[in-house]
Amino acid sequence: MLMEVLFDQSNISNVWNFLFGHGAEFSRLTVAEEFGFDIMPHNDFIRFFLDFGLFSCLILFVILYLVGKDSVLALMLVLIYMSAFYHNMLYSLYFAPLIFIANSSAKLRLKNAD
């Protein structure tokens, strides 16, 4: 039901909004306006797409790929992060830095091993 409301609102939009999004918090504010209480959509992929657009989603996936390809730990964290995107198990603001720390740690170990 939440996703139907969000996609109905996004269908009104133009090509610019499809590519670059409606702006931060669009999905949350739309749900609050429609249902009268403030909750997050349960799928962060859709939330990120509606808020920031297709272009930003592609950039996010490329960054996650580039970070995850260098380290097994970083790759595992990227996979957990991506699966958590489906159901908001982890708030992405706090989990994403762990991926970058794991990647940096792996690069430092490789550099020190040489």
PDB file of N, CA and C in Angstrom:
ATOM      1  N   MET A   1       0.820  -1.184   0.000  1.00  0.00           N
ATOM      2  CA  MET A   1       0.000   0.000   0.000  1.00  0.00           C
ATOM      3  C   MET A   1       0.875   1.263   0.000  1.00  0.00           C
ATOM      4  N   LEU A   2       1.933   1.253   0.817  1.00  0.00           N
ATOM      5  CA  LEU A   2       2.836   2.403   0.832  1.00  0.00           C
ATOM      6  C   LEU A   2       3.475   2.609  -0.527  1.00  0.00           C
ATOM      7  N   MET A   3       3.920   1.524  -1.129  1.00  0.00           N
ATOM      8  CA  MET A   3       4.602   1.635  -2.417  1.00  0.00           C
ATOM      9  C   MET A   3       3.657   2.141  -3.505  1.00  0.00           C
ATOM     10  N   GLU A   4       2.386   1.733  -3.436  1.00  0.00           N
ATOM     11  CA  GLU A   4       1.406   2.216  -4.413  1.00  0.00           C
ATOM     12  C   GLU A   4       1.256   3.736  -4.318  1.00  0.00           C
ATOM     13  N   VAL A   5       1.186   4.239  -3.109  1.00  0.00           N
ATOM     14  CA  VAL A   5       1.058   5.688  -2.911  1.00  0.00           C
ATOM     15  C   VAL A   5       2.280   6.402  -3.462  1.00  0.00           C
ATOM     16  N   LEU A   6       3.467   5.876  -3.160  1.00  0.00           N
ATOM     17  CA  LEU A   6       4.698   6.520  -3.631  1.00  0.00           C
ATOM     18  C   LEU A   6       4.797   6.502  -5.145  1.00  0.00           C
ATOM     19  N   PHE A   7       4.461   5.374  -5.757  1.00  0.00           N
ATOM     20  CA  PHE A   7       4.551   5.315  -7.213  1.00  0.00           C
ATOM     21  C   PHE A   7       3.460   6.135  -7.881  1.00  0.00           C
ATOM     22  N   ASP A   8       2.296   6.247  -7.254  1.00  0.00           N
ATOM     23  CA  ASP A   8       1.266   7.136  -7.804  1.00  0.00           C
ATOM     24  C   ASP A   8       1.756   8.575  -7.808  1.00  0.00           C
ATOM     25  N   GLN A   9       2.409   8.990  -6.734  1.00  0.00           N
ATOM     26  CA  GLN A   9       2.957  10.348  -6.672  1.00  0.00           C
ATOM     27  C   GLN A   9       4.069  10.541  -7.692  1.00  0.00           C
ATOM     28  N   SER A  10       4.888   9.501  -7.883  1.00  0.00           N
ATOM     29  CA  SER A  10       6.013   9.647  -8.813  1.00  0.00           C
ATOM     30  C   SER A  10       5.558   9.590 -10.266  1.00  0.00           C
ATOM     31  N   ASN A  11       4.409   8.979 -10.554  1.00  0.00           N
ATOM     32  CA  ASN A  11       3.907   8.932 -11.931  1.00  0.00           C
ATOM     33  C   ASN A  11       3.512  10.315 -12.437  1.00  0.00           C
ATOM     34  N   ILE A  12       3.214  11.210 -11.518  1.00  0.00           N
ATOM     35  CA  ILE A  12       2.861  12.575 -11.888  1.00  0.00           C
ATOM     36  C   ILE A  12       4.098  13.331 -12.377  1.00  0.00           C
ATOM     37  N   SER A  13       5.262  12.840 -11.995  1.00  0.00           N
ATOM     38  CA  SER A  13       6.505  13.574 -12.242  1.00  0.00           C
ATOM     39  C   SER A  13       6.927  13.546 -13.706  1.00  0.00           C
ATOM     40  N   ASN A  14       7.944  14.320 -14.006  1.00  0.00           N
ATOM     41  CA  ASN A  14       8.470  14.418 -15.363  1.00  0.00           C
ATOM     42  C   ASN A  14       9.783  13.644 -15.489  1.00  0.00           C
ATOM     43  N   VAL A  15      10.416  13.724 -16.638  1.00  0.00           N
ATOM     44  CA  VAL A  15      11.656  12.996 -16.899  1.00  0.00           C
ATOM     45  C   VAL A  15      12.767  13.472 -15.968  1.00  0.00           C
ATOM     46  N   TRP A  16      12.821  14.762 -15.688  1.00  0.00           N
ATOM     47  CA  TRP A  16      13.843  15.306 -14.793  1.00  0.00           C
ATOM     48  C   TRP A  16      13.780  14.623 -13.425  1.00  0.00           C
ATOM     49  N   ASN A  17      12.562  14.483 -12.868  1.00  0.00           N
ATOM     50  CA  ASN A  17      12.405  13.827 -11.571  1.00  0.00           C
ATOM     51  C   ASN A  17      12.744  12.346 -11.648  1.00  0.00           C
ATOM     52  N   PHE A  18      12.471  11.710 -12.765  1.00  0.00           N
ATOM     53  CA  PHE A  18      12.830  10.304 -12.937  1.00  0.00           C
ATOM     54  C   PHE A  18      14.346  10.135 -12.891  1.00  0.00           C
ATOM     55  N   LEU A  19      15.063  11.032 -13.543  1.00  0.00           N
ATOM     56  CA  LEU A  19      16.526  10.923 -13.602  1.00  0.00           C
ATOM     57  C   LEU A  19      17.211  11.417 -12.332  1.00  0.00           C
ATOM     58  N   PHE A  20      16.703  12.492 -11.726  1.00  0.00           N
ATOM     59  CA  PHE A  20      17.399  13.116 -10.605  1.00  0.00           C
ATOM     60  C   PHE A  20      16.597  13.137  -9.308  1.00  0.00           C
ATOM     61  N   GLY A  21      15.410  12.563  -9.291  1.00  0.00           N
ATOM     62  CA  GLY A  21      14.632  12.429  -8.070  1.00  0.00           C
ATOM     63  C   GLY A  21      13.808  13.651  -7.716  1.00  0.00           C
ATOM     64  N   HIS A  22      13.043  13.487  -6.658  1.00  0.00           N
ATOM     65  CA  HIS A  22      12.142  14.539  -6.180  1.00  0.00           C
ATOM     66  C   HIS A  22      12.755  15.343  -5.043  1.00  0.00           C
ATOM     67  N   GLY A  23      13.885  14.914  -4.540  1.00  0.00           N
ATOM     68  CA  GLY A  23      14.532  15.598  -3.424  1.00  0.00           C
ATOM     69  C   GLY A  23      14.512  14.747  -2.169  1.00  0.00           C
ATOM     70  N   ALA A  24      15.437  15.050  -1.280  1.00  0.00           N
ATOM     71  CA  ALA A  24      15.558  14.289  -0.037  1.00  0.00           C
ATOM     72  C   ALA A  24      14.248  14.318   0.741  1.00  0.00           C
ATOM     73  N   GLU A  25      13.908  13.174   1.292  1.00  0.00           N
ATOM     74  CA  GLU A  25      12.721  12.999   2.137  1.00  0.00           C
ATOM     75  C   GLU A  25      11.394  13.057   1.383  1.00  0.00           C
ATOM     76  N   PHE A  26      11.401  13.050   0.053  1.00  0.00           N
ATOM     77  CA  PHE A  26      10.144  13.064  -0.700  1.00  0.00           C
ATOM     78  C   PHE A  26       9.272  11.878  -0.317  1.00  0.00           C
ATOM     79  N   SER A  27       9.855  10.691  -0.293  1.00  0.00           N
ATOM     80  CA  SER A  27       9.055   9.496  -0.022  1.00  0.00           C
ATOM     81  C   SER A  27       8.492   9.519   1.395  1.00  0.00           C
ATOM     82  N   ARG A  28       9.293   9.897   2.374  1.00  0.00           N
ATOM     83  CA  ARG A  28       8.823   9.943   3.758  1.00  0.00           C
ATOM     84  C   ARG A  28       7.731  10.990   3.931  1.00  0.00           C
ATOM     85  N   LEU A  29       7.911  12.162   3.356  1.00  0.00           N
ATOM     86  CA  LEU A  29       6.909  13.220   3.482  1.00  0.00           C
ATOM     87  C   LEU A  29       5.618  12.868   2.749  1.00  0.00           C
ATOM     88  N   THR A  30       5.732  12.168   1.619  1.00  0.00           N
ATOM     89  CA  THR A  30       4.542  11.736   0.883  1.00  0.00           C
ATOM     90  C   THR A  30       3.741  10.741   1.704  1.00  0.00           C
ATOM     91  N   VAL A  31       4.428   9.794   2.333  1.00  0.00           N
ATOM     92  CA  VAL A  31       3.744   8.818   3.186  1.00  0.00           C
ATOM     93  C   VAL A  31       3.093   9.524   4.372  1.00  0.00           C
ATOM     94  N   ALA A  32       3.787  10.468   4.988  1.00  0.00           N
ATOM     95  CA  ALA A  32       3.223  11.201   6.128  1.00  0.00           C
ATOM     96  C   ALA A  32       1.988  12.003   5.718  1.00  0.00           C
ATOM     97  N   GLU A  33       2.043  12.610   4.546  1.00  0.00           N
ATOM     98  CA  GLU A  33       0.906  13.393   4.062  1.00  0.00           C
ATOM     99  C   GLU A  33      -0.288  12.497   3.736  1.00  0.00           C
ATOM    100  N   GLU A  34      -0.023  11.354   3.144  1.00  0.00           N
ATOM    101  CA  GLU A  34      -1.094  10.460   2.699  1.00  0.00           C
ATOM    102  C   GLU A  34      -1.754   9.713   3.856  1.00  0.00           C
ATOM    103  N   PHE A  35      -0.945   9.242   4.828  1.00  0.00           N
ATOM    104  CA  PHE A  35      -1.470   8.394   5.896  1.00  0.00           C
ATOM    105  C   PHE A  35      -1.607   9.102   7.238  1.00  0.00           C
ATOM    106  N   GLY A  36      -1.025  10.278   7.364  1.00  0.00           N
ATOM    107  CA  GLY A  36      -1.176  11.026   8.600  1.00  0.00           C
ATOM    108  C   GLY A  36      -0.166  10.681   9.680  1.00  0.00           C
ATOM    109  N   PHE A  37       0.761   9.788   9.422  1.00  0.00           N
ATOM    110  CA  PHE A  37       1.825   9.502  10.384  1.00  0.00           C
ATOM    111  C   PHE A  37       3.129   9.286   9.631  1.00  0.00           C
ATOM    112  N   ASP A  38       4.205   9.540  10.324  1.00  0.00           N
ATOM    113  CA  ASP A  38       5.522   9.590   9.700  1.00  0.00           C
ATOM    114  C   ASP A  38       6.233   8.243   9.824  1.00  0.00           C
ATOM    115  N   ILE A  39       6.292   7.497   8.723  1.00  0.00           N
ATOM    116  CA  ILE A  39       7.062   6.256   8.695  1.00  0.00           C
ATOM    117  C   ILE A  39       7.872   6.224   7.408  1.00  0.00           C
ATOM    118  N   MET A  40       8.914   5.430   7.425  1.00  0.00           N
ATOM    119  CA  MET A  40       9.752   5.283   6.238  1.00  0.00           C
ATOM    120  C   MET A  40       9.191   4.162   5.370  1.00  0.00           C
ATOM    121  N   PRO A  41       9.327   4.271   4.056  1.00  0.00           N
ATOM    122  CA  PRO A  41       8.981   3.140   3.190  1.00  0.00           C
ATOM    123  C   PRO A  41       9.866   1.945   3.548  1.00  0.00           C
ATOM    124  N   HIS A  42       9.357   0.753   3.387  1.00  0.00           N
ATOM    125  CA  HIS A  42      10.086  -0.438   3.826  1.00  0.00           C
ATOM    126  C   HIS A  42      11.070  -0.960   2.801  1.00  0.00           C
ATOM    127  N   ASN A  43      11.247  -0.275   1.717  1.00  0.00           N
ATOM    128  CA  ASN A  43      12.212  -0.691   0.704  1.00  0.00           C
ATOM    129  C   ASN A  43      13.081   0.513   0.366  1.00  0.00           C
ATOM    130  N   ASP A  44      14.326   0.456   0.803  1.00  0.00           N
ATOM    131  CA  ASP A  44      15.215   1.601   0.605  1.00  0.00           C
ATOM    132  C   ASP A  44      15.602   1.816  -0.847  1.00  0.00           C
ATOM    133  N   PHE A  45      15.549   0.766  -1.674  1.00  0.00           N
ATOM    134  CA  PHE A  45      15.821   0.959  -3.101  1.00  0.00           C
ATOM    135  C   PHE A  45      14.801   1.921  -3.696  1.00  0.00           C
ATOM    136  N   ILE A  46      13.538   1.669  -3.401  1.00  0.00           N
ATOM    137  CA  ILE A  46      12.475   2.526  -3.926  1.00  0.00           C
ATOM    138  C   ILE A  46      12.568   3.919  -3.313  1.00  0.00           C
ATOM    139  N   ARG A  47      12.832   3.976  -2.020  1.00  0.00           N
ATOM    140  CA  ARG A  47      12.964   5.279  -1.353  1.00  0.00           C
ATOM    141  C   ARG A  47      14.103   6.086  -1.971  1.00  0.00           C
ATOM    142  N   PHE A  48      15.255   5.451  -2.172  1.00  0.00           N
ATOM    143  CA  PHE A  48      16.409   6.143  -2.740  1.00  0.00           C
ATOM    144  C   PHE A  48      16.126   6.571  -4.177  1.00  0.00           C
ATOM    145  N   PHE A  49      15.474   5.692  -4.947  1.00  0.00           N
ATOM    146  CA  PHE A  49      15.139   6.022  -6.334  1.00  0.00           C
ATOM    147  C   PHE A  49      14.196   7.220  -6.409  1.00  0.00           C
ATOM    148  N   LEU A  50      13.147   7.220  -5.602  1.00  0.00           N
ATOM    149  CA  LEU A  50      12.188   8.325  -5.647  1.00  0.00           C
ATOM    150  C   LEU A  50      12.796   9.631  -5.134  1.00  0.00           C
ATOM    151  N   ASP A  51      13.613   9.539  -4.101  1.00  0.00           N
ATOM    152  CA  ASP A  51      14.215  10.751  -3.537  1.00  0.00           C
ATOM    153  C   ASP A  51      15.322  11.314  -4.418  1.00  0.00           C
ATOM    154  N   PHE A  52      16.168  10.437  -4.981  1.00  0.00           N
ATOM    155  CA  PHE A  52      17.375  10.903  -5.663  1.00  0.00           C
ATOM    156  C   PHE A  52      17.467  10.536  -7.134  1.00  0.00           C
ATOM    157  N   GLY A  53      16.557   9.726  -7.649  1.00  0.00           N
ATOM    158  CA  GLY A  53      16.493   9.452  -9.073  1.00  0.00           C
ATOM    159  C   GLY A  53      17.376   8.318  -9.557  1.00  0.00           C
ATOM    160  N   LEU A  54      17.189   7.980 -10.815  1.00  0.00           N
ATOM    161  CA  LEU A  54      17.906   6.875 -11.442  1.00  0.00           C
ATOM    162  C   LEU A  54      19.407   7.138 -11.502  1.00  0.00           C
ATOM    163  N   PHE A  55      19.794   8.351 -11.839  1.00  0.00           N
ATOM    164  CA  PHE A  55      21.209   8.697 -11.963  1.00  0.00           C
ATOM    165  C   PHE A  55      21.953   8.449 -10.648  1.00  0.00           C
ATOM    166  N   SER A  56      21.381   8.886  -9.538  1.00  0.00           N
ATOM    167  CA  SER A  56      22.013   8.685  -8.231  1.00  0.00           C
ATOM    168  C   SER A  56      22.026   7.220  -7.826  1.00  0.00           C
ATOM    169  N   CYS A  57      20.981   6.479  -8.185  1.00  0.00           N
ATOM    170  CA  CYS A  57      20.969   5.042  -7.896  1.00  0.00           C
ATOM    171  C   CYS A  57      22.110   4.337  -8.613  1.00  0.00           C
ATOM    172  N   LEU A  58      22.323   4.682  -9.860  1.00  0.00           N
ATOM    173  CA  LEU A  58      23.425   4.074 -10.608  1.00  0.00           C
ATOM    174  C   LEU A  58      24.772   4.424  -9.985  1.00  0.00           C
ATOM    175  N   ILE A  59      24.938   5.660  -9.568  1.00  0.00           N
ATOM    176  CA  ILE A  59      26.182   6.066  -8.901  1.00  0.00           C
ATOM    177  C   ILE A  59      26.372   5.277  -7.607  1.00  0.00           C
ATOM    178  N   LEU A  60      25.306   5.106  -6.827  1.00  0.00           N
ATOM    179  CA  LEU A  60      25.382   4.337  -5.588  1.00  0.00           C
ATOM    180  C   LEU A  60      25.832   2.909  -5.859  1.00  0.00           C
ATOM    181  N   PHE A  61      25.243   2.258  -6.865  1.00  0.00           N
ATOM    182  CA  PHE A  61      25.608   0.876  -7.165  1.00  0.00           C
ATOM    183  C   PHE A  61      27.049   0.766  -7.652  1.00  0.00           C
ATOM    184  N   VAL A  62      27.504   1.721  -8.434  1.00  0.00           N
ATOM    185  CA  VAL A  62      28.899   1.711  -8.902  1.00  0.00           C
ATOM    186  C   VAL A  62      29.853   1.884  -7.721  1.00  0.00           C
ATOM    187  N   ILE A  63      29.539   2.801  -6.821  1.00  0.00           N
ATOM    188  CA  ILE A  63      30.390   3.010  -5.644  1.00  0.00           C
ATOM    189  C   ILE A  63      30.435   1.753  -4.784  1.00  0.00           C
ATOM    190  N   LEU A  64      29.283   1.134  -4.548  1.00  0.00           N
ATOM    191  CA  LEU A  64      29.264  -0.089  -3.749  1.00  0.00           C
ATOM    192  C   LEU A  64      30.056  -1.201  -4.421  1.00  0.00           C
ATOM    193  N   TYR A  65      29.973  -1.299  -5.736  1.00  0.00           N
ATOM    194  CA  TYR A  65      30.759  -2.299  -6.460  1.00  0.00           C
ATOM    195  C   TYR A  65      32.253  -2.022  -6.315  1.00  0.00           C
ATOM    196  N   LEU A  66      32.654  -0.782  -6.515  1.00  0.00           N
ATOM    197  CA  LEU A  66      34.077  -0.433  -6.435  1.00  0.00           C
ATOM    198  C   LEU A  66      34.641  -0.657  -5.037  1.00  0.00           C
ATOM    199  N   VAL A  67      33.845  -0.377  -4.027  1.00  0.00           N
ATOM    200  CA  VAL A  67      34.297  -0.589  -2.654  1.00  0.00           C
ATOM    201  C   VAL A  67      34.340  -2.078  -2.326  1.00  0.00           C
ATOM    202  N   GLY A  68      33.351  -2.823  -2.760  1.00  0.00           N
ATOM    203  CA  GLY A  68      33.257  -4.231  -2.408  1.00  0.00           C
ATOM    204  C   GLY A  68      34.206  -5.150  -3.141  1.00  0.00           C
ATOM    205  N   LYS A  69      34.739  -4.734  -4.263  1.00  0.00           N
ATOM    206  CA  LYS A  69      35.561  -5.640  -5.067  1.00  0.00           C
ATOM    207  C   LYS A  69      36.971  -5.831  -4.519  1.00  0.00           C
ATOM    208  N   ASP A  70      37.427  -4.983  -3.611  1.00  0.00           N
ATOM    209  CA  ASP A  70      38.804  -5.038  -3.131  1.00  0.00           C
ATOM    210  C   ASP A  70      39.015  -5.921  -1.908  1.00  0.00           C
ATOM    211  N   SER A  71      37.978  -6.258  -1.202  1.00  0.00           N
ATOM    212  CA  SER A  71      38.136  -6.960   0.067  1.00  0.00           C
ATOM    213  C   SER A  71      36.960  -7.901   0.290  1.00  0.00           C
ATOM    214  N   VAL A  72      37.257  -9.074   0.829  1.00  0.00           N
ATOM    215  CA  VAL A  72      36.189 -10.035   1.119  1.00  0.00           C
ATOM    216  C   VAL A  72      35.270  -9.479   2.202  1.00  0.00           C
ATOM    217  N   LEU A  73      35.853  -8.887   3.237  1.00  0.00           N
ATOM    218  CA  LEU A  73      35.034  -8.310   4.308  1.00  0.00           C
ATOM    219  C   LEU A  73      34.154  -7.184   3.776  1.00  0.00           C
ATOM    220  N   ALA A  74      34.744  -6.304   2.980  1.00  0.00           N
ATOM    221  CA  ALA A  74      33.953  -5.209   2.406  1.00  0.00           C
ATOM    222  C   ALA A  74      32.859  -5.756   1.496  1.00  0.00           C
ATOM    223  N   LEU A  75      33.166  -6.796   0.720  1.00  0.00           N
ATOM    224  CA  LEU A  75      32.157  -7.405  -0.148  1.00  0.00           C
ATOM    225  C   LEU A  75      31.020  -7.995   0.676  1.00  0.00           C
ATOM    226  N   MET A  76      31.344  -8.680   1.764  1.00  0.00           N
ATOM    227  CA  MET A  76      30.293  -9.240   2.623  1.00  0.00           C
ATOM    228  C   MET A  76      29.426  -8.130   3.209  1.00  0.00           C
ATOM    229  N   LEU A  77      30.062  -7.039   3.638  1.00  0.00           N
ATOM    230  CA  LEU A  77      29.289  -5.921   4.180  1.00  0.00           C
ATOM    231  C   LEU A  77      28.414  -5.272   3.115  1.00  0.00           C
ATOM    232  N   VAL A  78      28.923  -5.164   1.886  1.00  0.00           N
ATOM    233  CA  VAL A  78      28.117  -4.623   0.789  1.00  0.00           C
ATOM    234  C   VAL A  78      26.908  -5.514   0.544  1.00  0.00           C
ATOM    235  N   LEU A  79      27.106  -6.829   0.543  1.00  0.00           N
ATOM    236  CA  LEU A  79      25.985  -7.749   0.316  1.00  0.00           C
ATOM    237  C   LEU A  79      24.955  -7.659   1.438  1.00  0.00           C
ATOM    238  N   ILE A  80      25.411  -7.561   2.680  1.00  0.00           N
ATOM    239  CA  ILE A  80      24.479  -7.388   3.799  1.00  0.00           C
ATOM    240  C   ILE A  80      23.733  -6.063   3.657  1.00  0.00           C
ATOM    241  N   TYR A  81      24.465  -5.034   3.307  1.00  0.00           N
ATOM    242  CA  TYR A  81      23.872  -3.706   3.123  1.00  0.00           C
ATOM    243  C   TYR A  81      22.806  -3.741   2.031  1.00  0.00           C
ATOM    244  N   MET A  82      23.121  -4.386   0.909  1.00  0.00           N
ATOM    245  CA  MET A  82      22.165  -4.458  -0.198  1.00  0.00           C
ATOM    246  C   MET A  82      20.930  -5.266   0.194  1.00  0.00           C
ATOM    247  N   SER A  83      21.109  -6.365   0.926  1.00  0.00           N
ATOM    248  CA  SER A  83      19.938  -7.143   1.334  1.00  0.00           C
ATOM    249  C   SER A  83      19.118  -6.381   2.367  1.00  0.00           C
ATOM    250  N   ALA A  84      19.771  -5.612   3.215  1.00  0.00           N
ATOM    251  CA  ALA A  84      19.046  -4.820   4.208  1.00  0.00           C
ATOM    252  C   ALA A  84      18.245  -3.701   3.552  1.00  0.00           C
ATOM    253  N   PHE A  85      18.648  -3.283   2.356  1.00  0.00           N
ATOM    254  CA  PHE A  85      17.912  -2.252   1.628  1.00  0.00           C
ATOM    255  C   PHE A  85      16.473  -2.683   1.355  1.00  0.00           C
ATOM    256  N   TYR A  86      16.237  -3.989   1.273  1.00  0.00           N
ATOM    257  CA  TYR A  86      14.896  -4.467   0.953  1.00  0.00           C
ATOM    258  C   TYR A  86      13.918  -4.318   2.102  1.00  0.00           C
ATOM    259  N   HIS A  87      14.400  -4.306   3.337  1.00  0.00           N
ATOM    260  CA  HIS A  87      13.453  -4.280   4.437  1.00  0.00           C
ATOM    261  C   HIS A  87      13.842  -3.371   5.584  1.00  0.00           C
ATOM    262  N   ASN A  88      14.739  -2.429   5.371  1.00  0.00           N
ATOM    263  CA  ASN A  88      15.118  -1.439   6.397  1.00  0.00           C
ATOM    264  C   ASN A  88      15.556  -2.074   7.707  1.00  0.00           C
ATOM    265  N   MET A  89      16.241  -3.213   7.630  1.00  0.00           N
ATOM    266  CA  MET A  89      16.710  -3.842   8.865  1.00  0.00           C
ATOM    267  C   MET A  89      17.748  -2.969   9.562  1.00  0.00           C
ATOM    268  N   LEU A  90      18.617  -2.383   8.788  1.00  0.00           N
ATOM    269  CA  LEU A  90      19.668  -1.523   9.324  1.00  0.00           C
ATOM    270  C   LEU A  90      19.519  -0.147   8.706  1.00  0.00           C
ATOM    271  N   TYR A  91      19.672   0.847   9.511  1.00  0.00           N
ATOM    272  CA  TYR A  91      19.583   2.196   8.962  1.00  0.00           C
ATOM    273  C   TYR A  91      20.860   2.470   8.184  1.00  0.00           C
ATOM    274  N   SER A  92      20.731   2.740   6.913  1.00  0.00           N
ATOM    275  CA  SER A  92      21.873   2.809   6.008  1.00  0.00           C
ATOM    276  C   SER A  92      22.876   3.897   6.372  1.00  0.00           C
ATOM    277  N   LEU A  93      22.445   4.939   7.043  1.00  0.00           N
ATOM    278  CA  LEU A  93      23.350   6.019   7.415  1.00  0.00           C
ATOM    279  C   LEU A  93      24.478   5.517   8.309  1.00  0.00           C
ATOM    280  N   TYR A  94      24.191   4.544   9.172  1.00  0.00           N
ATOM    281  CA  TYR A  94      25.196   4.029  10.091  1.00  0.00           C
ATOM    282  C   TYR A  94      25.950   2.835   9.526  1.00  0.00           C
ATOM    283  N   PHE A  95      25.358   2.114   8.603  1.00  0.00           N
ATOM    284  CA  PHE A  95      25.976   0.898   8.095  1.00  0.00           C
ATOM    285  C   PHE A  95      26.949   1.170   6.960  1.00  0.00           C
ATOM    286  N   ALA A  96      26.669   2.150   6.137  1.00  0.00           N
ATOM    287  CA  ALA A  96      27.537   2.446   4.988  1.00  0.00           C
ATOM    288  C   ALA A  96      28.973   2.766   5.398  1.00  0.00           C
ATOM    289  N   PRO A  97      29.223   3.537   6.455  1.00  0.00           N
ATOM    290  CA  PRO A  97      30.623   3.788   6.829  1.00  0.00           C
ATOM    291  C   PRO A  97      31.393   2.525   7.180  1.00  0.00           C
ATOM    292  N   LEU A  98      30.710   1.505   7.707  1.00  0.00           N
ATOM    293  CA  LEU A  98      31.394   0.244   8.005  1.00  0.00           C
ATOM    294  C   LEU A  98      31.991  -0.376   6.752  1.00  0.00           C
ATOM    295  N   ILE A  99      31.287  -0.253   5.648  1.00  0.00           N
ATOM    296  CA  ILE A  99      31.786  -0.799   4.388  1.00  0.00           C
ATOM    297  C   ILE A  99      33.072  -0.085   3.984  1.00  0.00           C
ATOM    298  N   PHE A 100      33.079   1.223   4.081  1.00  0.00           N
ATOM    299  CA  PHE A 100      34.261   1.989   3.687  1.00  0.00           C
ATOM    300  C   PHE A 100      35.428   1.766   4.649  1.00  0.00           C
ATOM    301  N   ILE A 101      35.141   1.592   5.935  1.00  0.00           N
ATOM    302  CA  ILE A 101      36.203   1.291   6.901  1.00  0.00           C
ATOM    303  C   ILE A 101      36.807  -0.075   6.613  1.00  0.00           C
ATOM    304  N   ALA A 102      35.957  -1.067   6.327  1.00  0.00           N
ATOM    305  CA  ALA A 102      36.467  -2.405   6.009  1.00  0.00           C
ATOM    306  C   ALA A 102      37.322  -2.374   4.753  1.00  0.00           C
ATOM    307  N   ASN A 103      36.895  -1.641   3.763  1.00  0.00           N
ATOM    308  CA  ASN A 103      37.659  -1.534   2.522  1.00  0.00           C
ATOM    309  C   ASN A 103      38.998  -0.842   2.770  1.00  0.00           C
ATOM    310  N   SER A 104      38.994   0.239   3.524  1.00  0.00           N
ATOM    311  CA  SER A 104      40.233   0.965   3.825  1.00  0.00           C
ATOM    312  C   SER A 104      41.183   0.102   4.637  1.00  0.00           C
ATOM    313  N   SER A 105      40.637  -0.640   5.582  1.00  0.00           N
ATOM    314  CA  SER A 105      41.455  -1.530   6.399  1.00  0.00           C
ATOM    315  C   SER A 105      42.128  -2.597   5.544  1.00  0.00           C
ATOM    316  N   ALA A 106      41.382  -3.158   4.604  1.00  0.00           N
ATOM    317  CA  ALA A 106      41.953  -4.180   3.717  1.00  0.00           C
ATOM    318  C   ALA A 106      43.047  -3.587   2.844  1.00  0.00           C
ATOM    319  N   LYS A 107      42.844  -2.389   2.353  1.00  0.00           N
ATOM    320  CA  LYS A 107      43.868  -1.744   1.519  1.00  0.00           C
ATOM    321  C   LYS A 107      45.130  -1.441   2.325  1.00  0.00           C
ATOM    322  N   LEU A 108      44.968  -1.019   3.587  1.00  0.00           N
ATOM    323  CA  LEU A 108      46.133  -0.754   4.431  1.00  0.00           C
ATOM    324  C   LEU A 108      46.921  -2.031   4.702  1.00  0.00           C
ATOM    325  N   ARG A 109      46.212  -3.131   4.968  1.00  0.00           N
ATOM    326  CA  ARG A 109      46.908  -4.404   5.196  1.00  0.00           C
ATOM    327  C   ARG A 109      47.667  -4.844   3.964  1.00  0.00           C
ATOM    328  N   LEU A 110      47.065  -4.679   2.791  1.00  0.00           N
ATOM    329  CA  LEU A 110      47.765  -5.045   1.555  1.00  0.00           C
ATOM    330  C   LEU A 110      48.986  -4.160   1.337  1.00  0.00           C
ATOM    331  N   LYS A 111      48.849  -2.887   1.637  1.00  0.00           N
ATOM    332  CA  LYS A 111      49.962  -1.947   1.459  1.00  0.00           C
ATOM    333  C   LYS A 111      51.099  -2.274   2.430  1.00  0.00           C
ATOM    334  N   ASN A 112      50.759  -2.596   3.679  1.00  0.00           N
ATOM    335  CA  ASN A 112      51.770  -2.928   4.681  1.00  0.00           C
ATOM    336  C   ASN A 112      52.419  -4.280   4.421  1.00  0.00           C
ATOM    337  N   ALA A 113      51.701  -5.170   3.743  1.00  0.00           N
ATOM    338  CA  ALA A 113      52.263  -6.490   3.428  1.00  0.00           C
ATOM    339  C   ALA A 113      53.356  -6.390   2.374  1.00  0.00           C
ATOM    340  N   ASP A 114      53.300  -5.364   1.556  1.00  0.00           N
ATOM    341  CA  ASP A 114      54.326  -5.187   0.507  1.00  0.00           C
ATOM    342  C   ASP A 114      55.578  -4.683   1.081  1.00  0.00           C
TER     343      ASP A 114
END
